[in-house]
């Protein structure tokens, strides 16, 4: 019947739809499996890469932190080592600079002396002596701290012709031994000390002789300083410093003669010590210079005196053959005084 045929067609249509849906669902499932088969390895690989990158970054950060810590530790160790080196003290017993048995540069201080300070002082002074020596000149010096016996010396036993530097101790001896001479021969003394007049010096020699002066140098601890026939002498820094120590005692005494004579020793002609330090301290000094040709024993530029430096006055003797090279000697004197300042700072 017609109704039965319609019913059958509807059933077949329904069955066709069910079959097509099943085919389509199977294809989707299969496609999904294929996609998942592709994506899973890719995602797994990506995840592994992400994990490796993360781990690498962590390791790099840890390595950087470890390196930074190591660098900081190294800097700290270096700073501590530098501090320890700066505070390290010279492990040597104190020796009075006049008794120091040395030829090259020597530095002594009656108290704690840091190694770094000693090294800096030595380097700076050696630079200045090196300039003189590189130009063919010889130089020696000795600084004696009058309160402590500390000081600085370089070639202290090298012998030089005194030239007119000897006039300073001669006149100091003369007026101590013959106080009346200070007024009677004041003009000759002034000219001999301040302007280094040989004529006036010889006048004093003719009146007071050499014998007693030579005996006085022996008592002062400098027996090798003896006036020659020409009324001058051979001197070393060590011996000449001892004579100036006597002058210091005389100048700082209550002697009226010392009061009269002392001002004449301030601002004397061609004194590198006064020229360099006279504006900072009171300086009593006397230079001596002579030129008899290159390489002559009698060619010298000398100076010696007292520097009244607060609580640490000192005697400084500088002997050289650097005739008329006051600029080089000025630089050396300045450096020696700075070294003395650095030594005083050790007390703090």
C-alpha atoms as a PDB file:
ATOM      1  CA  UNK A   1       0.000   0.000   0.000  1.00  0.00           C
ATOM      2  CA  UNK A   2       1.052   3.590  -0.429  1.00  0.00           C
ATOM      3  CA  UNK A   3       1.291   4.147   3.301  1.00  0.00           C
ATOM      4  CA  UNK A   4       3.523   1.159   3.689  1.00  0.00           C
ATOM      5  CA  UNK A   5       5.860   2.358   0.962  1.00  0.00           C
ATOM      6  CA  UNK A   6       6.221   5.784   2.576  1.00  0.00           C
ATOM      7  CA  UNK A   7       6.999   4.223   5.877  1.00  0.00           C
ATOM      8  CA  UNK A   8       9.666   2.025   4.356  1.00  0.00           C
ATOM      9  CA  UNK A   9      11.325   5.008   2.638  1.00  0.00           C
ATOM     10  CA  UNK A  10      11.440   6.905   5.920  1.00  0.00           C
ATOM     11  CA  UNK A  11      13.086   3.912   7.587  1.00  0.00           C
ATOM     12  CA  UNK A  12      15.701   3.702   4.813  1.00  0.00           C
ATOM     13  CA  UNK A  13      16.405   7.416   5.018  1.00  0.00           C
ATOM     14  CA  UNK A  14      16.861   7.100   8.748  1.00  0.00           C
ATOM     15  CA  UNK A  15      19.200   4.159   8.320  1.00  0.00           C
ATOM     16  CA  UNK A  16      21.190   6.096   5.653  1.00  0.00           C
ATOM     17  CA  UNK A  17      21.562   9.047   8.019  1.00  0.00           C
ATOM     18  CA  UNK A  18      22.693   6.760  10.835  1.00  0.00           C
ATOM     19  CA  UNK A  19      25.261   5.144   8.540  1.00  0.00           C
ATOM     20  CA  UNK A  20      26.545   8.482   7.196  1.00  0.00           C
ATOM     21  CA  UNK A  21      26.838   9.847  10.746  1.00  0.00           C
ATOM     22  CA  UNK A  22      28.760   6.751  11.778  1.00  0.00           C
ATOM     23  CA  UNK A  23      31.114   7.133   8.815  1.00  0.00           C
ATOM     24  CA  UNK A  24      31.597  10.846   9.580  1.00  0.00           C
ATOM     25  CA  UNK A  25      32.149  10.214  13.300  1.00  0.00           C
ATOM     26  CA  UNK A  26      34.735   7.548  12.498  1.00  0.00           C
ATOM     27  CA  UNK A  27      36.557   9.910  10.182  1.00  0.00           C
ATOM     28  CA  UNK A  28      36.567  12.654  12.821  1.00  0.00           C
ATOM     29  CA  UNK A  29      37.864  10.226  15.412  1.00  0.00           C
ATOM     30  CA  UNK A  30      40.557   9.026  13.059  1.00  0.00           C
ATOM     31  CA  UNK A  31      41.520  12.575  12.132  1.00  0.00           C
ATOM     32  CA  UNK A  32      41.599  13.521  15.769  1.00  0.00           C
ATOM     33  CA  UNK A  33      43.908  10.615  16.479  1.00  0.00           C
ATOM     34  CA  UNK A  34      46.165  11.673  13.609  1.00  0.00           C
ATOM     35  CA  UNK A  35      46.303  15.241  14.884  1.00  0.00           C
ATOM     36  CA  UNK A  36      46.956  14.095  18.419  1.00  0.00           C
ATOM     37  CA  UNK A  37      49.701  11.821  17.089  1.00  0.00           C
ATOM     38  CA  UNK A  38      51.370  14.822  15.482  1.00  0.00           C
ATOM     39  CA  UNK A  39      50.803  17.359  18.249  1.00  0.00           C
ATOM     40  CA  UNK A  40      51.875  15.238  21.207  1.00  0.00           C
ATOM     41  CA  UNK A  41      55.491  14.751  20.096  1.00  0.00           C
ATOM     42  CA  UNK A  42      55.690  18.449  19.135  1.00  0.00           C
ATOM     43  CA  UNK A  43      54.267  19.568  22.457  1.00  0.00           C
ATOM     44  CA  UNK A  44      56.490  17.130  24.321  1.00  0.00           C
ATOM     45  CA  UNK A  45      59.556  18.421  22.471  1.00  0.00           C
ATOM     46  CA  UNK A  46      58.533  22.029  23.143  1.00  0.00           C
ATOM     47  CA  UNK A  47      58.028  21.235  26.797  1.00  0.00           C
ATOM     48  CA  UNK A  48      61.438  19.602  26.969  1.00  0.00           C
ATOM     49  CA  UNK A  49      62.992  22.648  25.270  1.00  0.00           C
ATOM     50  CA  UNK A  50      61.209  24.989  27.688  1.00  0.00           C
ATOM     51  CA  UNK A  51      62.416  22.923  30.638  1.00  0.00           C
ATOM     52  CA  UNK A  52      65.975  22.887  29.297  1.00  0.00           C
ATOM     53  CA  UNK A  53      65.925  26.640  28.668  1.00  0.00           C
ATOM     54  CA  UNK A  54      64.585  27.229  32.171  1.00  0.00           C
ATOM     55  CA  UNK A  55      67.196  24.960  33.710  1.00  0.00           C
ATOM     56  CA  UNK A  56      69.938  26.649  31.660  1.00  0.00           C
ATOM     57  CA  UNK A  57      68.775  30.078  32.789  1.00  0.00           C
ATOM     58  CA  UNK A  58      68.711  28.903  36.395  1.00  0.00           C
ATOM     59  CA  UNK A  59      72.198  27.445  36.057  1.00  0.00           C
ATOM     60  CA  UNK A  60      73.472  30.626  34.416  1.00  0.00           C
ATOM     61  CA  UNK A  61      71.938  32.728  37.168  1.00  0.00           C
ATOM     62  CA  UNK A  62      73.482  30.486  39.810  1.00  0.00           C
ATOM     63  CA  UNK A  63      76.835  30.632  38.015  1.00  0.00           C
ATOM     64  CA  UNK A  64      76.615  34.434  37.766  1.00  0.00           C
ATOM     65  CA  UNK A  65      75.722  34.690  41.443  1.00  0.00           C
ATOM     66  CA  UNK A  66      78.580  32.364  42.353  1.00  0.00           C
ATOM     67  CA  UNK A  67      81.002  34.400  40.193  1.00  0.00           C
ATOM     68  CA  UNK A  68      79.780  37.640  41.770  1.00  0.00           C
ATOM     69  CA  UNK A  69      80.236  36.159  45.243  1.00  0.00           C
ATOM     70  CA  UNK A  70      83.716  34.934  44.327  1.00  0.00           C
ATOM     71  CA  UNK A  71      84.645  38.357  42.914  1.00  0.00           C
ATOM     72  CA  UNK A  72      83.307  40.101  46.017  1.00  0.00           C
ATOM     73  CA  UNK A  73      85.264  37.696  48.220  1.00  0.00           C
ATOM     74  CA  UNK A  74      88.405  38.323  46.162  1.00  0.00           C
ATOM     75  CA  UNK A  75      87.946  42.099  46.439  1.00  0.00           C
ATOM     76  CA  UNK A  76      87.418  41.795  50.172  1.00  0.00           C
ATOM     77  CA  UNK A  77      90.513  39.630  50.520  1.00  0.00           C
ATOM     78  CA  UNK A  78      92.487  42.092  48.410  1.00  0.00           C
ATOM     79  CA  UNK A  79      91.254  45.021  50.502  1.00  0.00           C
ATOM     80  CA  UNK A  80      92.097  43.213  53.721  1.00  0.00           C
ATOM     81  CA  UNK A  81      95.538  42.325  52.368  1.00  0.00           C
ATOM     82  CA  UNK A  82      96.113  45.955  51.334  1.00  0.00           C
ATOM     83  CA  UNK A  83      94.972  47.140  54.757  1.00  0.00           C
ATOM     84  CA  UNK A  84      97.254  44.647  56.463  1.00  0.00           C
ATOM     85  CA  UNK A  85     100.148  45.743  54.244  1.00  0.00           C
ATOM     86  CA  UNK A  86      99.436  49.410  54.977  1.00  0.00           C
ATOM     87  CA  UNK A  87      99.388  48.736  58.709  1.00  0.00           C
ATOM     88  CA  UNK A  88     102.381  46.394  58.738  1.00  0.00           C
ATOM     89  CA  UNK A  89     105.276  47.814  60.736  1.00  0.00           C
ATOM     90  CA  UNK A  90     108.988  47.748  60.035  1.00  0.00           C
ATOM     91  CA  UNK A  91     110.408  44.986  62.176  1.00  0.00           C
ATOM     92  CA  UNK A  92     113.775  46.507  62.984  1.00  0.00           C
ATOM     93  CA  UNK A  93     115.177  47.903  66.244  1.00  0.00           C
ATOM     94  CA  UNK A  94     115.589  51.669  66.334  1.00  0.00           C
ATOM     95  CA  UNK A  95     119.095  52.968  65.676  1.00  0.00           C
ATOM     96  CA  UNK A  96     120.086  56.622  66.042  1.00  0.00           C
ATOM     97  CA  UNK A  97     120.650  57.924  62.527  1.00  0.00           C
ATOM     98  CA  UNK A  98     124.142  59.135  63.459  1.00  0.00           C
ATOM     99  CA  UNK A  99     125.011  55.574  64.496  1.00  0.00           C
ATOM    100  CA  UNK A 100     123.367  53.902  61.508  1.00  0.00           C
ATOM    101  CA  UNK A 101     126.035  52.004  59.601  1.00  0.00           C
ATOM    102  CA  UNK A 102     124.919  52.580  56.055  1.00  0.00           C
ATOM    103  CA  UNK A 103     125.984  53.928  52.705  1.00  0.00           C
ATOM    104  CA  UNK A 104     122.794  53.977  50.668  1.00  0.00           C
ATOM    105  CA  UNK A 105     119.519  55.564  51.769  1.00  0.00           C
ATOM    106  CA  UNK A 106     118.578  54.892  55.397  1.00  0.00           C
ATOM    107  CA  UNK A 107     115.455  55.916  57.324  1.00  0.00           C
ATOM    108  CA  UNK A 108     114.987  55.498  61.070  1.00  0.00           C
ATOM    109  CA  UNK A 109     112.205  56.492  63.446  1.00  0.00           C
ATOM    110  CA  UNK A 110     112.031  56.115  67.207  1.00  0.00           C
ATOM    111  CA  UNK A 111     108.550  54.597  67.247  1.00  0.00           C
ATOM    112  CA  UNK A 112     106.246  52.600  65.006  1.00  0.00           C
ATOM    113  CA  UNK A 113     107.125  52.962  61.335  1.00  0.00           C
ATOM    114  CA  UNK A 114     104.802  51.538  58.701  1.00  0.00           C
ATOM    115  CA  UNK A 115     106.412  49.622  55.858  1.00  0.00           C
ATOM    116  CA  UNK A 116     104.287  51.439  53.292  1.00  0.00           C
ATOM    117  CA  UNK A 117     105.452  54.810  54.653  1.00  0.00           C
ATOM    118  CA  UNK A 118     109.076  53.707  54.521  1.00  0.00           C
ATOM    119  CA  UNK A 119     108.638  52.516  50.937  1.00  0.00           C
ATOM    120  CA  UNK A 120     106.992  55.773  49.831  1.00  0.00           C
ATOM    121  CA  UNK A 121     109.648  57.913  51.528  1.00  0.00           C
ATOM    122  CA  UNK A 122     112.450  55.877  50.007  1.00  0.00           C
ATOM    123  CA  UNK A 123     110.959  55.965  46.519  1.00  0.00           C
ATOM    124  CA  UNK A 124     110.360  59.724  46.544  1.00  0.00           C
ATOM    125  CA  UNK A 125     113.830  60.595  47.820  1.00  0.00           C
ATOM    126  CA  UNK A 126     115.532  58.171  45.453  1.00  0.00           C
ATOM    127  CA  UNK A 127     113.767  59.897  42.564  1.00  0.00           C
ATOM    128  CA  UNK A 128     115.313  63.241  43.584  1.00  0.00           C
ATOM    129  CA  UNK A 129     118.808  61.872  44.184  1.00  0.00           C
ATOM    130  CA  UNK A 130     118.470  59.979  40.918  1.00  0.00           C
ATOM    131  CA  UNK A 131     117.896  63.228  39.023  1.00  0.00           C
ATOM    132  CA  UNK A 132     121.152  64.667  40.401  1.00  0.00           C
ATOM    133  CA  UNK A 133     123.124  61.506  39.778  1.00  0.00           C
ATOM    134  CA  UNK A 134     121.744  61.052  36.257  1.00  0.00           C
ATOM    135  CA  UNK A 135     123.353  64.413  35.418  1.00  0.00           C
ATOM    136  CA  UNK A 136     126.706  63.266  36.766  1.00  0.00           C
ATOM    137  CA  UNK A 137     126.588  64.865  40.224  1.00  0.00           C
ATOM    138  CA  UNK A 138     127.325  63.355  43.615  1.00  0.00           C
ATOM    139  CA  UNK A 139     125.226  64.197  46.661  1.00  0.00           C
ATOM    140  CA  UNK A 140     124.951  63.169  50.281  1.00  0.00           C
ATOM    141  CA  UNK A 141     122.715  64.315  53.102  1.00  0.00           C
ATOM    142  CA  UNK A 142     121.742  63.637  56.682  1.00  0.00           C
ATOM    143  CA  UNK A 143     118.638  64.794  58.548  1.00  0.00           C
ATOM    144  CA  UNK A 144     118.835  64.466  62.327  1.00  0.00           C
ATOM    145  CA  UNK A 145     115.646  64.890  64.381  1.00  0.00           C
ATOM    146  CA  UNK A 146     116.891  66.717  67.458  1.00  0.00           C
ATOM    147  CA  UNK A 147     114.247  65.267  69.795  1.00  0.00           C
ATOM    148  CA  UNK A 148     114.478  61.607  68.877  1.00  0.00           C
ATOM    149  CA  UNK A 149     117.754  60.926  67.103  1.00  0.00           C
ATOM    150  CA  UNK A 150     115.673  59.623  64.203  1.00  0.00           C
ATOM    151  CA  UNK A 151     116.387  60.694  60.683  1.00  0.00           C
ATOM    152  CA  UNK A 152     117.258  60.084  57.074  1.00  0.00           C
ATOM    153  CA  UNK A 153     120.663  59.766  55.477  1.00  0.00           C
ATOM    154  CA  UNK A 154     122.222  59.086  52.114  1.00  0.00           C
ATOM    155  CA  UNK A 155     125.966  58.521  51.624  1.00  0.00           C
ATOM    156  CA  UNK A 156     126.562  60.122  55.058  1.00  0.00           C
ATOM    157  CA  UNK A 157     130.286  59.313  55.081  1.00  0.00           C
ATOM    158  CA  UNK A 158     131.111  60.584  51.596  1.00  0.00           C
ATOM    159  CA  UNK A 159     133.823  63.245  51.884  1.00  0.00           C
ATOM    160  CA  UNK A 160     133.467  66.706  50.343  1.00  0.00           C
ATOM    161  CA  UNK A 161     135.426  69.938  50.436  1.00  0.00           C
ATOM    162  CA  UNK A 162     133.680  72.182  52.978  1.00  0.00           C
ATOM    163  CA  UNK A 163     134.132  75.495  51.156  1.00  0.00           C
ATOM    164  CA  UNK A 164     132.573  78.334  53.170  1.00  0.00           C
ATOM    165  CA  UNK A 165     130.120  76.079  55.016  1.00  0.00           C
ATOM    166  CA  UNK A 166     132.859  75.612  57.644  1.00  0.00           C
ATOM    167  CA  UNK A 167     132.535  79.284  58.634  1.00  0.00           C
ATOM    168  CA  UNK A 168     129.293  78.593  60.511  1.00  0.00           C
ATOM    169  CA  UNK A 169     130.725  76.205  63.128  1.00  0.00           C
ATOM    170  CA  UNK A 170     133.989  78.134  63.345  1.00  0.00           C
ATOM    171  CA  UNK A 171     132.199  81.354  64.310  1.00  0.00           C
ATOM    172  CA  UNK A 172     129.854  79.501  66.689  1.00  0.00           C
ATOM    173  CA  UNK A 173     132.878  77.974  68.416  1.00  0.00           C
ATOM    174  CA  UNK A 174     134.658  81.347  68.494  1.00  0.00           C
ATOM    175  CA  UNK A 175     131.872  83.308  70.191  1.00  0.00           C
ATOM    176  CA  UNK A 176     131.211  80.506  72.686  1.00  0.00           C
ATOM    177  CA  UNK A 177     134.892  80.378  73.614  1.00  0.00           C
ATOM    178  CA  UNK A 178     135.474  84.146  73.428  1.00  0.00           C
ATOM    179  CA  UNK A 179     132.091  85.816  74.114  1.00  0.00           C
ATOM    180  CA  UNK A 180     133.609  89.294  73.914  1.00  0.00           C
ATOM    181  CA  UNK A 181     134.441  88.619  70.256  1.00  0.00           C
ATOM    182  CA  UNK A 182     130.742  88.714  69.358  1.00  0.00           C
ATOM    183  CA  UNK A 183     130.651  92.485  69.826  1.00  0.00           C
ATOM    184  CA  UNK A 184     134.260  93.298  69.059  1.00  0.00           C
ATOM    185  CA  UNK A 185     134.196  91.508  65.691  1.00  0.00           C
ATOM    186  CA  UNK A 186     130.466  91.744  64.981  1.00  0.00           C
ATOM    187  CA  UNK A 187     130.915  93.286  61.525  1.00  0.00           C
ATOM    188  CA  UNK A 188     133.400  90.614  60.438  1.00  0.00           C
ATOM    189  CA  UNK A 189     131.140  87.896  61.807  1.00  0.00           C
ATOM    190  CA  UNK A 190     128.116  89.325  60.001  1.00  0.00           C
ATOM    191  CA  UNK A 191     129.953  89.519  56.673  1.00  0.00           C
ATOM    192  CA  UNK A 192     131.482  86.059  57.017  1.00  0.00           C
ATOM    193  CA  UNK A 193     128.184  84.397  57.922  1.00  0.00           C
ATOM    194  CA  UNK A 194     125.612  86.282  55.894  1.00  0.00           C
ATOM    195  CA  UNK A 195     127.606  87.077  52.752  1.00  0.00           C
ATOM    196  CA  UNK A 196     130.322  84.440  53.085  1.00  0.00           C
ATOM    197  CA  UNK A 197     133.126  86.997  52.979  1.00  0.00           C
ATOM    198  CA  UNK A 198     136.478  85.228  52.851  1.00  0.00           C
ATOM    199  CA  UNK A 199     138.338  88.400  53.758  1.00  0.00           C
ATOM    200  CA  UNK A 200     136.421  88.808  57.035  1.00  0.00           C
ATOM    201  CA  UNK A 201     136.694  85.079  57.766  1.00  0.00           C
ATOM    202  CA  UNK A 202     140.475  85.244  57.408  1.00  0.00           C
ATOM    203  CA  UNK A 203     140.507  88.216  59.776  1.00  0.00           C
ATOM    204  CA  UNK A 204     138.810  86.048  62.415  1.00  0.00           C
ATOM    205  CA  UNK A 205     141.181  83.163  61.710  1.00  0.00           C
ATOM    206  CA  UNK A 206     144.163  85.456  62.138  1.00  0.00           C
ATOM    207  CA  UNK A 207     142.851  86.622  65.505  1.00  0.00           C
ATOM    208  CA  UNK A 208     141.591  83.323  66.983  1.00  0.00           C
ATOM    209  CA  UNK A 209     143.576  80.690  65.123  1.00  0.00           C
ATOM    210  CA  UNK A 210     142.763  77.097  64.184  1.00  0.00           C
ATOM    211  CA  UNK A 211     144.242  74.964  66.929  1.00  0.00           C
ATOM    212  CA  UNK A 212     141.514  75.458  69.506  1.00  0.00           C
ATOM    213  CA  UNK A 213     138.814  74.982  66.884  1.00  0.00           C
ATOM    214  CA  UNK A 214     140.406  71.701  65.791  1.00  0.00           C
ATOM    215  CA  UNK A 215     140.446  70.578  69.416  1.00  0.00           C
ATOM    216  CA  UNK A 216     136.781  71.534  69.744  1.00  0.00           C
ATOM    217  CA  UNK A 217     135.769  69.400  66.760  1.00  0.00           C
ATOM    218  CA  UNK A 218     137.421  66.417  68.469  1.00  0.00           C
ATOM    219  CA  UNK A 219     135.394  67.016  71.624  1.00  0.00           C
ATOM    220  CA  UNK A 220     132.250  67.429  69.507  1.00  0.00           C
ATOM    221  CA  UNK A 221     132.756  63.937  68.082  1.00  0.00           C
ATOM    222  CA  UNK A 222     134.049  64.992  64.668  1.00  0.00           C
ATOM    223  CA  UNK A 223     137.845  64.595  64.909  1.00  0.00           C
ATOM    224  CA  UNK A 224     138.250  64.305  61.140  1.00  0.00           C
ATOM    225  CA  UNK A 225     137.131  67.903  60.615  1.00  0.00           C
ATOM    226  CA  UNK A 226     140.340  69.906  60.860  1.00  0.00           C
ATOM    227  CA  UNK A 227     141.098  73.300  59.368  1.00  0.00           C
ATOM    228  CA  UNK A 228     143.778  73.065  56.722  1.00  0.00           C
ATOM    229  CA  UNK A 229     146.446  75.609  55.864  1.00  0.00           C
ATOM    230  CA  UNK A 230     143.866  77.302  53.677  1.00  0.00           C
ATOM    231  CA  UNK A 231     141.474  77.518  56.680  1.00  0.00           C
ATOM    232  CA  UNK A 232     138.879  75.193  55.167  1.00  0.00           C
ATOM    233  CA  UNK A 233     138.336  71.460  55.693  1.00  0.00           C
ATOM    234  CA  UNK A 234     137.152  68.093  54.412  1.00  0.00           C
ATOM    235  CA  UNK A 235     133.760  67.137  55.835  1.00  0.00           C
ATOM    236  CA  UNK A 236     131.145  64.400  55.788  1.00  0.00           C
ATOM    237  CA  UNK A 237     127.462  64.757  56.549  1.00  0.00           C
ATOM    238  CA  UNK A 238     127.766  62.628  59.676  1.00  0.00           C
ATOM    239  CA  UNK A 239     130.617  64.687  61.145  1.00  0.00           C
ATOM    240  CA  UNK A 240     129.275  68.071  60.072  1.00  0.00           C
ATOM    241  CA  UNK A 241     125.853  67.327  61.564  1.00  0.00           C
ATOM    242  CA  UNK A 242     127.475  66.807  64.975  1.00  0.00           C
ATOM    243  CA  UNK A 243     128.948  70.314  64.827  1.00  0.00           C
ATOM    244  CA  UNK A 244     125.550  71.775  63.992  1.00  0.00           C
ATOM    245  CA  UNK A 245     124.024  69.905  66.918  1.00  0.00           C
ATOM    246  CA  UNK A 246     126.406  71.920  69.106  1.00  0.00           C
ATOM    247  CA  UNK A 247     125.272  75.105  67.386  1.00  0.00           C
ATOM    248  CA  UNK A 248     121.639  74.173  68.137  1.00  0.00           C
ATOM    249  CA  UNK A 249     122.434  73.756  71.837  1.00  0.00           C
ATOM    250  CA  UNK A 250     124.165  77.125  71.801  1.00  0.00           C
ATOM    251  CA  UNK A 251     121.365  78.929  69.939  1.00  0.00           C
ATOM    252  CA  UNK A 252     118.663  77.553  72.255  1.00  0.00           C
ATOM    253  CA  UNK A 253     120.558  78.414  75.436  1.00  0.00           C
ATOM    254  CA  UNK A 254     120.054  81.519  77.566  1.00  0.00           C
ATOM    255  CA  UNK A 255     123.315  82.991  76.322  1.00  0.00           C
ATOM    256  CA  UNK A 256     123.239  86.686  75.472  1.00  0.00           C
ATOM    257  CA  UNK A 257     125.942  85.993  72.923  1.00  0.00           C
ATOM    258  CA  UNK A 258     123.671  83.482  71.217  1.00  0.00           C
ATOM    259  CA  UNK A 259     120.879  86.090  71.145  1.00  0.00           C
ATOM    260  CA  UNK A 260     123.256  88.487  69.402  1.00  0.00           C
ATOM    261  CA  UNK A 261     124.707  86.080  66.854  1.00  0.00           C
ATOM    262  CA  UNK A 262     121.779  83.776  66.039  1.00  0.00           C
ATOM    263  CA  UNK A 263     119.863  86.180  63.718  1.00  0.00           C
ATOM    264  CA  UNK A 264     122.903  86.393  61.435  1.00  0.00           C
ATOM    265  CA  UNK A 265     122.434  82.735  60.500  1.00  0.00           C
ATOM    266  CA  UNK A 266     118.944  83.319  59.115  1.00  0.00           C
ATOM    267  CA  UNK A 267     118.668  84.157  55.415  1.00  0.00           C
ATOM    268  CA  UNK A 268     122.316  83.604  54.508  1.00  0.00           C
ATOM    269  CA  UNK A 269     123.514  83.786  50.922  1.00  0.00           C
ATOM    270  CA  UNK A 270     122.930  80.732  48.664  1.00  0.00           C
ATOM    271  CA  UNK A 271     121.436  78.563  51.398  1.00  0.00           C
ATOM    272  CA  UNK A 272     119.172  76.039  49.683  1.00  0.00           C
ATOM    273  CA  UNK A 273     117.737  75.040  53.060  1.00  0.00           C
ATOM    274  CA  UNK A 274     116.609  78.578  53.840  1.00  0.00           C
ATOM    275  CA  UNK A 275     115.521  79.199  50.257  1.00  0.00           C
ATOM    276  CA  UNK A 276     113.298  76.095  50.284  1.00  0.00           C
ATOM    277  CA  UNK A 277     112.008  76.027  53.859  1.00  0.00           C
ATOM    278  CA  UNK A 278     112.523  79.558  55.194  1.00  0.00           C
ATOM    279  CA  UNK A 279     108.937  80.642  54.517  1.00  0.00           C
ATOM    280  CA  UNK A 280     107.545  77.678  56.461  1.00  0.00           C
ATOM    281  CA  UNK A 281     109.955  77.533  59.407  1.00  0.00           C
ATOM    282  CA  UNK A 282     112.661  79.530  61.090  1.00  0.00           C
ATOM    283  CA  UNK A 283     115.913  78.353  59.523  1.00  0.00           C
ATOM    284  CA  UNK A 284     119.499  78.964  60.689  1.00  0.00           C
ATOM    285  CA  UNK A 285     121.946  77.858  58.012  1.00  0.00           C
ATOM    286  CA  UNK A 286     125.121  78.566  56.093  1.00  0.00           C
ATOM    287  CA  UNK A 287     126.023  77.453  52.596  1.00  0.00           C
ATOM    288  CA  UNK A 288     129.389  76.949  50.959  1.00  0.00           C
ATOM    289  CA  UNK A 289     130.217  76.843  47.265  1.00  0.00           C
ATOM    290  CA  UNK A 290     133.297  76.677  45.115  1.00  0.00           C
ATOM    291  CA  UNK A 291     134.178  75.974  41.485  1.00  0.00           C
ATOM    292  CA  UNK A 292     137.588  74.786  40.344  1.00  0.00           C
ATOM    293  CA  UNK A 293     136.554  73.023  37.155  1.00  0.00           C
ATOM    294  CA  UNK A 294     134.609  69.871  36.343  1.00  0.00           C
ATOM    295  CA  UNK A 295     135.488  66.820  38.429  1.00  0.00           C
ATOM    296  CA  UNK A 296     137.570  68.926  40.807  1.00  0.00           C
ATOM    297  CA  UNK A 297     137.511  68.064  44.519  1.00  0.00           C
ATOM    298  CA  UNK A 298     137.087  71.799  45.185  1.00  0.00           C
ATOM    299  CA  UNK A 299     133.901  72.130  43.117  1.00  0.00           C
ATOM    300  CA  UNK A 300     130.968  71.951  45.560  1.00  0.00           C
ATOM    301  CA  UNK A 301     127.562  73.334  46.482  1.00  0.00           C
ATOM    302  CA  UNK A 302     127.010  72.637  50.183  1.00  0.00           C
ATOM    303  CA  UNK A 303     124.603  73.702  52.887  1.00  0.00           C
ATOM    304  CA  UNK A 304     123.855  72.868  56.511  1.00  0.00           C
ATOM    305  CA  UNK A 305     121.623  74.258  59.209  1.00  0.00           C
ATOM    306  CA  UNK A 306     118.851  73.984  61.757  1.00  0.00           C
ATOM    307  CA  UNK A 307     115.164  73.833  60.799  1.00  0.00           C
ATOM    308  CA  UNK A 308     112.958  74.888  63.732  1.00  0.00           C
ATOM    309  CA  UNK A 309     110.012  72.650  62.880  1.00  0.00           C
ATOM    310  CA  UNK A 310     107.626  72.857  65.820  1.00  0.00           C
ATOM    311  CA  UNK A 311     108.172  70.038  68.302  1.00  0.00           C
ATOM    312  CA  UNK A 312     110.516  68.291  65.880  1.00  0.00           C
ATOM    313  CA  UNK A 313     113.411  70.644  65.035  1.00  0.00           C
ATOM    314  CA  UNK A 314     116.147  69.024  63.011  1.00  0.00           C
ATOM    315  CA  UNK A 315     119.629  69.511  61.650  1.00  0.00           C
ATOM    316  CA  UNK A 316     120.086  69.013  57.926  1.00  0.00           C
ATOM    317  CA  UNK A 317     123.402  68.734  56.119  1.00  0.00           C
ATOM    318  CA  UNK A 318     123.546  68.540  52.309  1.00  0.00           C
ATOM    319  CA  UNK A 319     126.880  68.127  50.528  1.00  0.00           C
ATOM    320  CA  UNK A 320     127.242  67.938  46.759  1.00  0.00           C
ATOM    321  CA  UNK A 321     129.341  68.813  43.751  1.00  0.00           C
ATOM    322  CA  UNK A 322     126.284  70.204  41.910  1.00  0.00           C
ATOM    323  CA  UNK A 323     127.733  73.708  41.704  1.00  0.00           C
ATOM    324  CA  UNK A 324     125.049  76.369  41.065  1.00  0.00           C
ATOM    325  CA  UNK A 325     122.337  73.745  40.572  1.00  0.00           C
ATOM    326  CA  UNK A 326     120.265  75.154  43.403  1.00  0.00           C
ATOM    327  CA  UNK A 327     117.040  74.106  41.697  1.00  0.00           C
ATOM    328  CA  UNK A 328     117.946  70.412  41.927  1.00  0.00           C
ATOM    329  CA  UNK A 329     119.087  70.781  45.529  1.00  0.00           C
ATOM    330  CA  UNK A 330     115.939  72.755  46.412  1.00  0.00           C
ATOM    331  CA  UNK A 331     113.811  69.861  45.156  1.00  0.00           C
ATOM    332  CA  UNK A 332     115.824  67.389  47.216  1.00  0.00           C
ATOM    333  CA  UNK A 333     115.585  69.495  50.389  1.00  0.00           C
ATOM    334  CA  UNK A 334     111.818  69.844  49.923  1.00  0.00           C
ATOM    335  CA  UNK A 335     111.451  66.068  49.558  1.00  0.00           C
ATOM    336  CA  UNK A 336     113.601  65.403  52.631  1.00  0.00           C
ATOM    337  CA  UNK A 337     111.454  67.750  54.722  1.00  0.00           C
ATOM    338  CA  UNK A 338     108.276  66.076  53.419  1.00  0.00           C
ATOM    339  CA  UNK A 339     109.721  62.710  54.396  1.00  0.00           C
ATOM    340  CA  UNK A 340     110.346  64.061  57.918  1.00  0.00           C
ATOM    341  CA  UNK A 341     106.717  65.207  58.025  1.00  0.00           C
ATOM    342  CA  UNK A 342     105.556  61.714  57.087  1.00  0.00           C
ATOM    343  CA  UNK A 343     107.693  60.234  59.856  1.00  0.00           C
ATOM    344  CA  UNK A 344     106.149  62.604  62.401  1.00  0.00           C
ATOM    345  CA  UNK A 345     102.673  61.502  61.276  1.00  0.00           C
ATOM    346  CA  UNK A 346     103.520  57.979  62.386  1.00  0.00           C
ATOM    347  CA  UNK A 347     103.003  59.197  65.939  1.00  0.00           C
ATOM    348  CA  UNK A 348      99.308  59.644  65.159  1.00  0.00           C
END
